[in-house]
Amino acid sequence: MLEKPVIPNSLAVLVQDKPIPKAKTPPWPGQSFIIRDPKTNLVIALNNGNLRLSSQRTKGYSEGIHWYCVENDEMWLGFYNSISGAYIGHNNRNQFIATARWHDAWEYFCVREHPDGGYLLLVKHWGGFLPMKVGKRNNLVVDVGRNSGTAWEFIRV
């Protein structure tokens, strides 16, 4: 049976203007993270129900940039946004979205350390994996060509 995660304390925190920390933390169940692209310093954010990349220095509570890492009984990871109550997943158009209320197959992730630093976020695709990458319009897409994927940094919050 799928259950909603129990989130410790409120994760809606005001992001202040201060230096962006270097991240070398692997994602781990039971912890919250900001997920950042080190090439652009943009982070995965949820704004008005839309998953997108945004500046980490966004002030206020308008964007959900904290992702709580969960694990199911089959050891698949998932990333839950406590503001929206939704998980990061993908649709049948190879786009990443955050609309699912449950951690199910379209929201399953596996993480692989990249040799140059960071971590690839791999989604289950039939009998294999496909990486998440930053698309041409700074959107989040499934790398169906298996070219590279984005090596994400995970900043523990």
Protein backbone atom coordinates (compact mmCIF):
# COMPACT_ATOMS: atom_id res chain seq x y z
CA MET A 1 0.00 0.00 0.00
CA LEU A 2 1.35 3.41 -0.93
CA GLU A 3 1.54 5.94 1.86
CA LYS A 4 2.28 9.63 2.05
CA PRO A 5 5.62 10.37 3.71
CA VAL A 6 5.83 11.88 7.16
CA ILE A 7 7.74 15.13 6.77
CA PRO A 8 9.70 16.34 9.80
CA ASN A 9 8.84 19.94 10.68
CA SER A 10 7.89 22.47 8.01
CA LEU A 11 10.15 22.61 5.00
CA ALA A 12 8.85 26.00 3.84
CA VAL A 13 11.94 28.05 4.61
CA LEU A 14 12.81 31.54 3.43
CA VAL A 15 15.90 31.39 1.21
CA GLN A 16 18.22 34.26 2.02
CA ASP A 17 20.87 35.93 -0.12
CA LYS A 18 24.03 34.16 0.90
CA PRO A 19 26.69 32.17 -0.94
CA ILE A 20 25.45 28.97 -2.53
CA PRO A 21 27.14 26.01 -0.79
CA LYS A 22 29.05 23.31 -2.63
CA ALA A 23 27.20 20.02 -2.47
CA LYS A 24 28.64 16.53 -2.29
CA THR A 25 25.82 14.83 -0.42
CA PRO A 26 24.17 11.76 -1.97
CA PRO A 27 20.38 11.73 -1.77
CA TRP A 28 19.18 9.50 1.05
CA PRO A 29 15.72 8.52 2.27
CA GLY A 30 14.41 10.54 5.19
CA GLN A 31 16.34 13.70 4.28
CA SER A 32 15.38 16.88 2.44
CA PHE A 33 17.38 18.42 -0.37
CA ILE A 34 17.66 21.27 -2.79
CA ILE A 35 18.50 19.68 -6.16
CA ARG A 36 20.81 21.93 -8.19
CA ASP A 37 22.34 21.88 -11.67
CA PRO A 38 25.99 22.86 -11.02
CA LYS A 39 26.45 24.22 -14.56
CA THR A 40 23.74 26.87 -14.19
CA ASN A 41 23.26 26.97 -10.38
CA LEU A 42 19.53 26.64 -11.06
CA VAL A 43 17.49 24.37 -8.81
CA ILE A 44 14.50 22.12 -9.38
CA ALA A 45 11.49 24.13 -8.21
CA LEU A 46 7.74 23.84 -8.18
CA ASN A 47 5.94 27.09 -8.99
CA ASN A 48 2.15 27.21 -9.32
CA GLY A 49 2.11 23.47 -9.97
CA ASN A 50 4.77 23.64 -12.70
CA LEU A 51 8.10 21.87 -12.32
CA ARG A 52 10.93 24.03 -13.61
CA LEU A 53 14.44 25.29 -12.96
CA SER A 54 14.71 28.43 -10.89
CA SER A 55 17.22 30.56 -9.04
CA GLN A 56 18.01 29.23 -5.58
CA ARG A 57 18.06 32.81 -4.34
CA THR A 58 14.30 33.19 -4.79
CA LYS A 59 12.93 35.05 -1.79
CA GLY A 60 9.71 34.16 -0.08
CA TYR A 61 7.56 31.08 -0.16
CA SER A 62 6.32 31.19 -3.75
CA GLU A 63 8.44 28.28 -4.95
CA GLY A 64 8.90 24.83 -3.51
CA ILE A 65 12.60 24.03 -3.81
CA HIS A 66 12.89 21.48 -0.98
CA TRP A 67 12.48 17.83 -1.94
CA TYR A 68 12.03 15.13 0.67
CA CYS A 69 13.65 11.85 -0.38
CA VAL A 70 11.55 8.72 0.21
CA GLU A 71 12.15 5.04 -0.44
CA ASN A 72 9.55 2.34 -1.01
CA ASP A 73 9.79 -1.30 0.04
CA GLU A 74 11.42 -2.17 -3.32
CA MET A 75 14.16 0.45 -2.65
CA TRP A 76 13.03 2.90 -5.36
CA LEU A 77 13.69 6.50 -4.41
CA GLY A 78 11.18 9.31 -4.82
CA PHE A 79 11.25 13.08 -4.29
CA TYR A 80 8.27 14.64 -2.52
CA ASN A 81 7.47 18.35 -2.31
CA SER A 82 5.89 19.14 1.05
CA ILE A 83 4.31 22.38 -0.18
CA SER A 84 2.34 20.77 -3.02
CA GLY A 85 2.09 17.22 -1.70
CA ALA A 86 3.33 15.89 -5.07
CA TYR A 87 6.19 13.71 -6.26
CA ILE A 88 8.55 14.35 -9.16
CA GLY A 89 7.69 11.98 -11.99
CA HIS A 90 7.55 11.91 -15.77
CA ASN A 91 4.77 11.75 -18.32
CA ASN A 92 4.44 9.94 -21.65
CA ARG A 93 5.85 13.01 -23.47
CA ASN A 94 9.26 12.58 -21.78
CA GLN A 95 8.75 15.62 -19.57
CA PHE A 96 9.21 15.75 -15.82
CA ILE A 97 6.23 16.92 -13.81
CA ALA A 98 5.21 17.01 -10.15
CA THR A 99 1.53 16.12 -9.99
CA ALA A 100 1.38 12.58 -8.58
CA ARG A 101 0.13 12.26 -5.02
CA TRP A 102 1.62 8.76 -4.66
CA HIS A 103 5.09 7.29 -5.17
CA ASP A 104 4.36 4.91 -8.04
CA ALA A 105 6.27 3.57 -11.10
CA TRP A 106 6.30 6.91 -12.99
CA GLU A 107 7.89 8.52 -9.91
CA TYR A 108 10.58 5.87 -9.30
CA PHE A 109 14.20 7.04 -9.31
CA CYS A 110 17.57 5.38 -9.02
CA VAL A 111 20.66 7.52 -8.36
CA ARG A 112 24.11 6.96 -9.84
CA GLU A 113 27.22 8.89 -8.88
CA HIS A 114 28.83 10.68 -11.86
CA PRO A 115 32.64 10.37 -12.15
CA ASP A 116 32.96 14.16 -12.61
CA GLY A 117 30.86 14.89 -9.52
CA GLY A 118 27.17 15.04 -8.81
CA TYR A 119 24.54 12.36 -9.29
CA LEU A 120 22.48 11.22 -12.25
CA LEU A 121 18.77 10.86 -11.57
CA LEU A 122 17.64 7.79 -13.49
CA VAL A 123 13.98 6.94 -14.06
CA LYS A 124 12.61 3.48 -14.60
CA HIS A 125 11.84 2.97 -18.29
CA TRP A 126 10.52 -0.47 -19.24
CA GLY A 127 13.39 -2.84 -18.39
CA GLY A 128 16.06 -0.18 -17.98
CA PHE A 129 16.82 3.38 -16.95
CA LEU A 130 16.83 6.80 -18.61
CA PRO A 131 18.48 9.91 -17.12
CA MET A 132 16.87 13.23 -16.26
CA LYS A 133 18.48 16.19 -18.00
CA VAL A 134 18.05 19.91 -18.48
CA GLY A 135 16.27 20.46 -21.79
CA LYS A 136 16.89 23.12 -24.43
CA ARG A 137 14.42 25.52 -22.78
CA ASN A 138 15.76 24.94 -19.25
CA ASN A 139 12.96 22.46 -18.70
CA LEU A 140 13.39 18.97 -17.26
CA VAL A 141 13.21 16.11 -19.75
CA VAL A 142 13.88 12.38 -19.99
CA ASP A 143 17.08 11.83 -22.01
CA VAL A 144 15.62 9.23 -24.39
CA GLY A 145 18.83 9.32 -26.44
CA ARG A 146 20.82 8.25 -23.37
CA ASN A 147 23.37 10.94 -24.22
CA SER A 148 24.41 12.07 -20.78
CA GLY A 149 21.82 13.34 -18.37
CA THR A 150 22.53 16.10 -15.87
CA ALA A 151 24.83 15.44 -12.92
CA TRP A 152 22.80 17.03 -10.10
CA GLU A 153 24.07 18.31 -6.76
CA PHE A 154 22.05 17.51 -3.66
CA ILE A 155 22.17 20.15 -0.94
CA ARG A 156 20.87 18.80 2.35
CA VAL A 157 18.50 21.17 4.14
